[in-house]
C-alpha atoms as a PDB file:
ATOM      1  CA  MET A   1      15.750 -14.604 -24.414  1.00  0.00           C
ATOM      2  CA  ALA A   2      13.652 -11.297 -24.992  1.00  0.00           C
ATOM      3  CA  ASP A   3      11.713 -12.570 -21.478  1.00  0.00           C
ATOM      4  CA  GLU A   4      14.906 -13.348 -19.882  1.00  0.00           C
ATOM      5  CA  ARG A   5      16.028  -9.724 -20.302  1.00  0.00           C
ATOM      6  CA  ARG A   6      13.010  -8.098 -19.080  1.00  0.00           C
ATOM      7  CA  ALA A   7      13.134 -10.164 -15.833  1.00  0.00           C
ATOM      8  CA  MET A   8      16.704  -9.173 -15.327  1.00  0.00           C
ATOM      9  CA  ASN A   9      15.377  -5.124 -16.181  1.00  0.00           C
ATOM     10  CA  LYS A  10      12.678  -5.593 -13.973  1.00  0.00           C
ATOM     11  CA  LYS A  11      14.949  -6.330 -10.886  1.00  0.00           C
ATOM     12  CA  ASN A  12      17.749  -3.968 -11.423  1.00  0.00           C
ATOM     13  CA  TYR A  13      15.628  -1.244 -11.886  1.00  0.00           C
ATOM     14  CA  ALA A  14      12.606  -1.856  -9.783  1.00  0.00           C
ATOM     15  CA  GLY A  15      12.997   0.231  -6.375  1.00  0.00           C
ATOM     16  CA  LYS A  16      15.023   2.386  -7.783  1.00  0.00           C
ATOM     17  CA  ILE A  17      14.959   6.551  -8.350  1.00  0.00           C
ATOM     18  CA  ILE A  18      17.486   8.318 -10.531  1.00  0.00           C
ATOM     19  CA  MET A  19      15.102  11.182 -11.149  1.00  0.00           C
ATOM     20  CA  ASN A  20      16.652  13.310  -8.418  1.00  0.00           C
ATOM     21  CA  HIS A  21      15.469  16.885 -10.137  1.00  0.00           C
ATOM     22  CA  PRO A  22      12.362  18.100 -11.066  1.00  0.00           C
ATOM     23  CA  ILE A  23      11.434  18.367 -15.180  1.00  0.00           C
ATOM     24  CA  THR A  24      11.413  21.201 -16.618  1.00  0.00           C
ATOM     25  CA  GLN A  25       8.857  20.375 -19.393  1.00  0.00           C
ATOM     26  CA  SER A  26       5.177  22.026 -19.760  1.00  0.00           C
ATOM     27  CA  PRO A  27       3.060  19.253 -16.836  1.00  0.00           C
ATOM     28  CA  ILE A  28       0.470  19.553 -20.113  1.00  0.00           C
ATOM     29  CA  THR A  29       2.065  19.640 -23.081  1.00  0.00           C
ATOM     30  CA  GLN A  30       4.986  17.836 -23.045  1.00  0.00           C
ATOM     31  CA  SER A  31       5.467  13.772 -22.805  1.00  0.00           C
ATOM     32  CA  PRO A  32       8.350  11.330 -22.751  1.00  0.00           C
ATOM     33  CA  ILE A  33       7.061   9.287 -25.529  1.00  0.00           C
ATOM     34  CA  SER A  34       7.840   9.984 -29.039  1.00  0.00           C
ATOM     35  CA  ASN A  35       6.322   7.501 -31.163  1.00  0.00           C
ATOM     36  CA  LEU A  36       4.010   4.092 -31.012  1.00  0.00           C
ATOM     37  CA  HIS A  37       6.477   1.166 -30.354  1.00  0.00           C
ATOM     38  CA  SER A  38       7.870   3.410 -27.724  1.00  0.00           C
ATOM     39  CA  LEU A  39       4.387   3.582 -25.616  1.00  0.00           C
ATOM     40  CA  LEU A  40       4.316   0.105 -26.099  1.00  0.00           C
ATOM     41  CA  ILE A  41       6.599  -0.660 -23.608  1.00  0.00           C
ATOM     42  CA  LEU A  42       6.254   2.011 -21.619  1.00  0.00           C
ATOM     43  CA  LEU A  43       2.490   0.735 -21.423  1.00  0.00           C
ATOM     44  CA  ALA A  44       4.242  -3.137 -20.572  1.00  0.00           C
ATOM     45  CA  LEU A  45       5.955  -1.582 -18.028  1.00  0.00           C
ATOM     46  CA  LEU A  46       4.114   1.184 -16.655  1.00  0.00           C
ATOM     47  CA  LEU A  47       2.692  -0.522 -13.626  1.00  0.00           C
ATOM     48  CA  LEU A  48       5.429  -3.019 -13.053  1.00  0.00           C
ATOM     49  CA  THR A  49       8.279  -1.333 -11.627  1.00  0.00           C
ATOM     50  CA  ALA A  50       7.808   0.295  -8.449  1.00  0.00           C
ATOM     51  CA  CYS A  51       9.704   3.490  -7.058  1.00  0.00           C
ATOM     52  CA  GLY A  52      11.464   2.678  -3.973  1.00  0.00           C
ATOM     53  CA  GLU A  53      11.360   5.946  -1.834  1.00  0.00           C
ATOM     54  CA  ALA A  54       8.395   9.086  -2.866  1.00  0.00           C
ATOM     55  CA  THR A  55       7.777  12.423  -1.934  1.00  0.00           C
ATOM     56  CA  GLU A  56       5.967  12.692   1.921  1.00  0.00           C
ATOM     57  CA  ALA A  57       2.236  14.581   0.963  1.00  0.00           C
ATOM     58  CA  ALA A  58       1.536  17.889   2.651  1.00  0.00           C
ATOM     59  CA  PRO A  59      -1.267  17.756   5.447  1.00  0.00           C
ATOM     60  CA  VAL A  60      -4.697  18.209   3.731  1.00  0.00           C
ATOM     61  CA  ALA A  61      -8.057  19.158   4.954  1.00  0.00           C
ATOM     62  CA  THR A  62     -10.542  16.823   6.049  1.00  0.00           C
ATOM     63  CA  PRO A  63     -13.769  16.308   3.992  1.00  0.00           C
ATOM     64  CA  THR A  64     -16.709  18.108   6.720  1.00  0.00           C
ATOM     65  CA  ALA A  65     -19.714  16.516   6.945  1.00  0.00           C
ATOM     66  CA  GLY A  66     -22.706  17.295   4.492  1.00  0.00           C
ATOM     67  CA  ALA A  67     -20.207  19.622   3.099  1.00  0.00           C
ATOM     68  CA  ALA A  68     -21.977  20.825  -0.414  1.00  0.00           C
ATOM     69  CA  ILE A  69     -20.187  21.072  -4.220  1.00  0.00           C
ATOM     70  CA  GLU A  70     -20.336  23.635  -5.369  1.00  0.00           C
ATOM     71  CA  THR A  71     -20.769  24.028  -9.363  1.00  0.00           C
ATOM     72  CA  SER A  72     -17.038  25.782  -9.758  1.00  0.00           C
ATOM     73  CA  ALA A  73     -15.070  26.042 -13.424  1.00  0.00           C
ATOM     74  CA  PRO A  74     -12.381  23.906 -13.447  1.00  0.00           C
ATOM     75  CA  LEU A  75      -9.302  25.878 -12.631  1.00  0.00           C
ATOM     76  CA  ALA A  76      -6.697  27.107 -15.018  1.00  0.00           C
ATOM     77  CA  VAL A  77      -3.561  25.238 -14.707  1.00  0.00           C
ATOM     78  CA  ALA A  78      -1.527  27.860 -14.179  1.00  0.00           C
ATOM     79  CA  ASP A  79      -3.772  28.533 -11.061  1.00  0.00           C
ATOM     80  CA  ALA A  80      -3.859  24.479 -10.117  1.00  0.00           C
ATOM     81  CA  GLN A  81      -2.083  22.474  -7.283  1.00  0.00           C
ATOM     82  CA  PRO A  82      -0.668  18.670  -7.860  1.00  0.00           C
ATOM     83  CA  PRO A  83      -2.728  16.361  -5.978  1.00  0.00           C
ATOM     84  CA  VAL A  84      -1.349  14.981  -2.189  1.00  0.00           C
ATOM     85  CA  ARG A  85      -4.950  13.202  -1.955  1.00  0.00           C
ATOM     86  CA  LEU A  86      -7.507  10.311  -3.662  1.00  0.00           C
ATOM     87  CA  GLN A  87     -11.502   9.658  -2.053  1.00  0.00           C
ATOM     88  CA  ILE A  88     -13.815   7.506  -2.558  1.00  0.00           C
ATOM     89  CA  PRO A  89     -16.518   8.033  -0.046  1.00  0.00           C
ATOM     90  CA  ALA A  90     -18.401   4.805  -1.275  1.00  0.00           C
ATOM     91  CA  LEU A  91     -15.709   2.955  -0.443  1.00  0.00           C
ATOM     92  CA  ALA A  92     -14.216   4.094   2.717  1.00  0.00           C
ATOM     93  CA  LEU A  93     -11.351   4.286   0.484  1.00  0.00           C
ATOM     94  CA  ASP A  94      -8.723   6.936   1.033  1.00  0.00           C
ATOM     95  CA  VAL A  95      -5.121   7.206  -0.731  1.00  0.00           C
ATOM     96  CA  ALA A  96      -2.232   9.776  -0.466  1.00  0.00           C
ATOM     97  CA  VAL A  97      -0.551  10.663  -3.540  1.00  0.00           C
ATOM     98  CA  VAL A  98       2.807  11.956  -4.623  1.00  0.00           C
ATOM     99  CA  PRO A  99       4.496  13.368  -8.126  1.00  0.00           C
ATOM    100  CA  MET A 100       5.194  10.544 -10.269  1.00  0.00           C
ATOM    101  CA  ALA A 101       8.235  10.945 -12.931  1.00  0.00           C
ATOM    102  CA  TRP A 102       9.727   8.033 -15.058  1.00  0.00           C
ATOM    103  CA  GLN A 103      13.186   7.220 -15.909  1.00  0.00           C
ATOM    104  CA  VAL A 104      14.777   6.159 -18.898  1.00  0.00           C
ATOM    105  CA  THR A 105      16.648   3.354 -18.780  1.00  0.00           C
ATOM    106  CA  GLU A 106      17.316   0.319 -21.879  1.00  0.00           C
ATOM    107  CA  PHE A 107      15.247  -2.068 -23.177  1.00  0.00           C
ATOM    108  CA  GLU A 108      15.944  -5.068 -25.721  1.00  0.00           C
ATOM    109  CA  GLY A 109      18.870  -2.309 -26.610  1.00  0.00           C
ATOM    110  CA  LYS A 110      17.039   0.883 -27.146  1.00  0.00           C
ATOM    111  CA  ARG A 111      16.568   3.873 -24.524  1.00  0.00           C
ATOM    112  CA  ARG A 112      12.970   4.473 -23.166  1.00  0.00           C
ATOM    113  CA  ALA A 113      10.863   5.990 -20.408  1.00  0.00           C
ATOM    114  CA  VAL A 114       9.029   3.667 -17.515  1.00  0.00           C
ATOM    115  CA  TRP A 115       7.334   5.695 -14.844  1.00  0.00           C
ATOM    116  CA  GLN A 116       8.130   4.772 -11.807  1.00  0.00           C
ATOM    117  CA  VAL A 117       5.029   3.429 -10.245  1.00  0.00           C
ATOM    118  CA  PRO A 118       5.344   4.307  -5.993  1.00  0.00           C
ATOM    119  CA  MET A 119       4.717   0.922  -3.536  1.00  0.00           C
ATOM    120  CA  GLU A 120       2.359   3.145  -0.682  1.00  0.00           C
ATOM    121  CA  GLU A 121       1.164   5.693  -2.498  1.00  0.00           C
ATOM    122  CA  ALA A 122      -1.317   7.095  -6.045  1.00  0.00           C
ATOM    123  CA  GLY A 123       1.333   8.440  -8.357  1.00  0.00           C
ATOM    124  CA  TRP A 124       0.069  11.217 -10.324  1.00  0.00           C
ATOM    125  CA  HIS A 125       1.480  11.423 -13.800  1.00  0.00           C
ATOM    126  CA  ILE A 126       3.559  14.825 -13.326  1.00  0.00           C
ATOM    127  CA  ASN A 127       3.002  15.150 -17.575  1.00  0.00           C
ATOM    128  CA  SER A 128      -0.815  15.545 -16.267  1.00  0.00           C
ATOM    129  CA  ALA A 129      -3.260  18.460 -15.490  1.00  0.00           C
ATOM    130  CA  PRO A 130      -3.080  19.564 -11.380  1.00  0.00           C
ATOM    131  CA  ALA A 131      -5.650  18.852  -9.569  1.00  0.00           C
ATOM    132  CA  GLY A 132      -9.155  20.200  -9.784  1.00  0.00           C
ATOM    133  CA  ALA A 133      -7.737  22.055 -13.238  1.00  0.00           C
ATOM    134  CA  VAL A 134      -8.749  21.566 -17.502  1.00  0.00           C
ATOM    135  CA  GLY A 135      -7.040  19.303 -19.134  1.00  0.00           C
ATOM    136  CA  ASN A 136      -7.204  15.250 -17.761  1.00  0.00           C
ATOM    137  CA  THR A 137      -5.958  14.474 -14.204  1.00  0.00           C
ATOM    138  CA  VAL A 138      -4.226  11.292 -14.424  1.00  0.00           C
ATOM    139  CA  LEU A 139      -2.816   8.616 -11.254  1.00  0.00           C
ATOM    140  CA  SER A 140      -1.459   5.197 -11.494  1.00  0.00           C
ATOM    141  CA  GLY A 141      -1.222   3.028  -8.878  1.00  0.00           C
ATOM    142  CA  HIS A 142      -0.570  -0.625  -7.932  1.00  0.00           C
ATOM    143  CA  HIS A 143      -3.159  -3.108  -7.476  1.00  0.00           C
ATOM    144  CA  GLN A 144      -1.032  -6.109  -5.761  1.00  0.00           C
ATOM    145  CA  GLN A 145       2.107  -4.756  -5.136  1.00  0.00           C
ATOM    146  CA  GLY A 146       2.796  -2.234  -1.688  1.00  0.00           C
ATOM    147  CA  ALA A 147      -0.020  -1.193  -0.064  1.00  0.00           C
ATOM    148  CA  ALA A 148      -1.974  -1.667  -3.288  1.00  0.00           C
ATOM    149  CA  VAL A 149      -3.931   1.133  -3.027  1.00  0.00           C
ATOM    150  CA  PHE A 150      -6.431   0.580  -6.760  1.00  0.00           C
ATOM    151  CA  ALA A 151      -6.812  -2.666  -5.830  1.00  0.00           C
ATOM    152  CA  ALA A 152     -10.602  -2.040  -5.786  1.00  0.00           C
ATOM    153  CA  LEU A 153      -9.707  -1.277  -9.026  1.00  0.00           C
ATOM    154  CA  ALA A 154      -9.504  -4.721 -10.269  1.00  0.00           C
ATOM    155  CA  ARG A 155     -11.623  -5.567  -7.962  1.00  0.00           C
ATOM    156  CA  GLY A 156     -15.022  -4.073  -9.625  1.00  0.00           C
ATOM    157  CA  GLU A 157     -15.703  -1.550  -6.676  1.00  0.00           C
ATOM    158  CA  VAL A 158     -15.683   1.105  -7.976  1.00  0.00           C
ATOM    159  CA  THR A 159     -18.275   2.260 -10.683  1.00  0.00           C
ATOM    160  CA  VAL A 160     -20.213   4.636 -12.367  1.00  0.00           C
ATOM    161  CA  GLY A 161     -21.746   7.543 -10.473  1.00  0.00           C
ATOM    162  CA  GLN A 162     -19.457   7.230  -7.413  1.00  0.00           C
ATOM    163  CA  THR A 163     -18.107  10.231  -6.349  1.00  0.00           C
ATOM    164  CA  ILE A 164     -13.837  11.320  -6.556  1.00  0.00           C
ATOM    165  CA  GLN A 165     -13.000  13.493  -4.337  1.00  0.00           C
ATOM    166  CA  VAL A 166      -8.936  14.995  -4.669  1.00  0.00           C
ATOM    167  CA  THR A 167      -7.263  17.148  -2.599  1.00  0.00           C
ATOM    168  CA  ASP A 168      -4.384  19.515  -3.696  1.00  0.00           C
ATOM    169  CA  THR A 169      -1.574  21.143  -2.307  1.00  0.00           C
ATOM    170  CA  GLN A 170      -3.312  24.050  -0.820  1.00  0.00           C
ATOM    171  CA  GLY A 171      -6.083  21.846   0.874  1.00  0.00           C
ATOM    172  CA  ARG A 172      -8.646  22.520  -1.947  1.00  0.00           C
ATOM    173  CA  ILE A 173     -11.214  19.559  -2.822  1.00  0.00           C
ATOM    174  CA  PHE A 174     -12.491  18.763  -6.330  1.00  0.00           C
ATOM    175  CA  ALA A 175     -14.883  16.393  -7.032  1.00  0.00           C
ATOM    176  CA  TYR A 176     -15.522  13.990 -10.233  1.00  0.00           C
ATOM    177  CA  THR A 177     -17.976  11.459 -10.888  1.00  0.00           C
ATOM    178  CA  VAL A 178     -17.185   8.688 -12.896  1.00  0.00           C
ATOM    179  CA  THR A 179     -18.602   8.139 -15.706  1.00  0.00           C
ATOM    180  CA  GLU A 180     -16.599   5.282 -17.557  1.00  0.00           C
ATOM    181  CA  VAL A 181     -14.824   1.839 -16.493  1.00  0.00           C
ATOM    182  CA  SER A 182     -13.119   0.383 -18.737  1.00  0.00           C
ATOM    183  CA  ALA A 183     -13.119  -3.162 -20.222  1.00  0.00           C
ATOM    184  CA  PRO A 184      -9.185  -4.606 -19.361  1.00  0.00           C
ATOM    185  CA  ILE A 185      -6.646  -3.969 -22.326  1.00  0.00           C
ATOM    186  CA  PRO A 186      -3.949  -5.809 -22.148  1.00  0.00           C
ATOM    187  CA  ALA A 187      -0.621  -5.293 -21.401  1.00  0.00           C
ATOM    188  CA  LEU A 188       1.217  -8.466 -21.910  1.00  0.00           C
ATOM    189  CA  ALA A 189       1.827  -9.206 -26.505  1.00  0.00           C
ATOM    190  CA  ALA A 190      -0.244  -6.351 -26.497  1.00  0.00           C
ATOM    191  CA  THR A 191      -0.846  -5.124 -29.792  1.00  0.00           C
ATOM    192  CA  ALA A 192      -0.422  -1.947 -31.309  1.00  0.00           C
ATOM    193  CA  GLN A 193      -4.140  -1.496 -31.482  1.00  0.00           C
ATOM    194  CA  ASP A 194      -4.459  -2.228 -27.652  1.00  0.00           C
ATOM    195  CA  ALA A 195      -1.141   0.195 -26.895  1.00  0.00           C
ATOM    196  CA  ALA A 196      -2.932   3.501 -28.398  1.00  0.00           C
ATOM    197  CA  GLN A 197      -6.575   2.620 -26.524  1.00  0.00           C
ATOM    198  CA  ALA A 198      -4.349   2.667 -23.358  1.00  0.00           C
ATOM    199  CA  ALA A 199      -2.199   5.432 -24.386  1.00  0.00           C
ATOM    200  CA  ALA A 200      -5.280   7.341 -25.485  1.00  0.00           C
ATOM    201  CA  TYR A 201      -6.757   7.350 -21.511  1.00  0.00           C
ATOM    202  CA  LEU A 202      -3.313   8.413 -20.377  1.00  0.00           C
ATOM    203  CA  ALA A 203      -3.470  11.749 -23.677  1.00  0.00           C
ATOM    204  CA  GLN A 204      -4.284  15.096 -22.628  1.00  0.00           C
ATOM    205  CA  PRO A 205      -6.696  17.311 -24.836  1.00  0.00           C
ATOM    206  CA  ALA A 206      -5.448  18.747 -27.760  1.00  0.00           C
ATOM    207  CA  ALA A 207      -7.319  21.600 -26.995  1.00  0.00           C
ATOM    208  CA  PRO A 208      -9.063  21.147 -23.477  1.00  0.00           C
ATOM    209  CA  SER A 209     -12.299  23.649 -23.530  1.00  0.00           C
ATOM    210  CA  PRO A 210     -12.114  26.154 -20.414  1.00  0.00           C
ATOM    211  CA  GLY A 211     -14.956  23.930 -18.306  1.00  0.00           C
ATOM    212  CA  THR A 212     -13.713  20.573 -18.655  1.00  0.00           C
ATOM    213  CA  ALA A 213     -11.733  18.515 -16.202  1.00  0.00           C
ATOM    214  CA  GLN A 214     -11.302  14.948 -16.928  1.00  0.00           C
ATOM    215  CA  LEU A 215     -10.232  12.192 -13.320  1.00  0.00           C
ATOM    216  CA  THR A 216      -7.963   8.850 -14.939  1.00  0.00           C
ATOM    217  CA  LEU A 217      -7.410   6.252 -13.112  1.00  0.00           C
ATOM    218  CA  ALA A 218      -4.580   3.501 -14.060  1.00  0.00           C
ATOM    219  CA  THR A 219      -3.635   0.097 -12.681  1.00  0.00           C
ATOM    220  CA  GLY A 220      -3.319  -3.428 -13.224  1.00  0.00           C
ATOM    221  CA  TRP A 221      -6.178  -6.420 -13.856  1.00  0.00           C
ATOM    222  CA  PRO A 222      -6.907  -8.914 -12.562  1.00  0.00           C
ATOM    223  CA  GLU A 223      -6.797  -8.723  -8.939  1.00  0.00           C
ATOM    224  CA  PHE A 224      -4.465 -11.647  -9.010  1.00  0.00           C
ATOM    225  CA  SER A 225      -2.047 -10.662 -12.127  1.00  0.00           C
ATOM    226  CA  ASP A 226      -0.550  -8.149 -14.068  1.00  0.00           C
ATOM    227  CA  THR A 227      -1.743  -8.792 -17.410  1.00  0.00           C
ATOM    228  CA  HIS A 228      -4.136  -6.300 -18.612  1.00  0.00           C
ATOM    229  CA  TYR A 229      -4.486  -2.718 -17.493  1.00  0.00           C
ATOM    230  CA  ILE A 230      -7.797  -1.096 -16.463  1.00  0.00           C
ATOM    231  CA  PHE A 231      -8.646   3.012 -16.365  1.00  0.00           C
ATOM    232  CA  VAL A 232     -11.477   4.673 -14.436  1.00  0.00           C
ATOM    233  CA  VAL A 233     -12.763   7.866 -15.635  1.00  0.00           C
ATOM    234  CA  ALA A 234     -14.300  10.382 -13.895  1.00  0.00           C
ATOM    235  CA  THR A 235     -16.255  14.040 -14.989  1.00  0.00           C
ATOM    236  CA  TRP A 236     -15.662  17.621 -13.233  1.00  0.00           C
ATOM    237  CA  VAL A 237     -18.134  18.441 -10.758  1.00  0.00           C
ATOM    238  CA  GLY A 238     -16.390  20.853  -8.757  1.00  0.00           C
ATOM    239  CA  GLU A 239     -15.045  22.004  -5.886  1.00  0.00           C
ATOM    240  CA  LEU A 240     -15.863  20.828  -2.607  1.00  0.00           C
ATOM    241  CA  GLY A 241     -17.249  24.489   0.008  1.00  0.00           C
ATOM    242  CA  ASN A 242     -17.133  24.261   3.091  1.00  0.00           C
END
């Protein structure tokens, strides 16, 4: 019966957007998850529930050949803007990014917050750090559905040492270097330990250092299924100069 209800919830809510107004919570300190059990449900549905529409990304600058990376410190959150573009030059990957909110829905008789992952773009977790800012900037994307913008992650093509570029709404381009590709973490029949491990990748640091910024990419795994999650962690390098 539980499996039937999960399938019905997925059918009923896929493609719907009920959050048509801005979230008033702080983008860094607030979270829609109140306890570990809620988090387990969130992670089980995170990449299976899609958003039918997405905010159109603003025009952004294209990096010029030979552009140097400046050794600048990450921005303060107050000075940063949302991401609108993600690039991995080594893979010729170029993906639009849109803000991604959560939808409050009912699951097994309880109200849960479920992220609405876009079908054609990567989704920026609106309670994570903006582009180039101190903290953890979190982006999620499908690896099978829609444009499958994060399929390369599920195929194992993103590796340690690669550069990831993130562009914000003002056209500023920030560079990060991949430092970790997680082992697959179970999504189906996940234990509390599995959920806590996945949650750690999505979390914001309790007291982020002014000079520390991180980018985290999240998607499903393997490339032909949705039984696990995989996370790519990249650390701050600097802002891309002209």
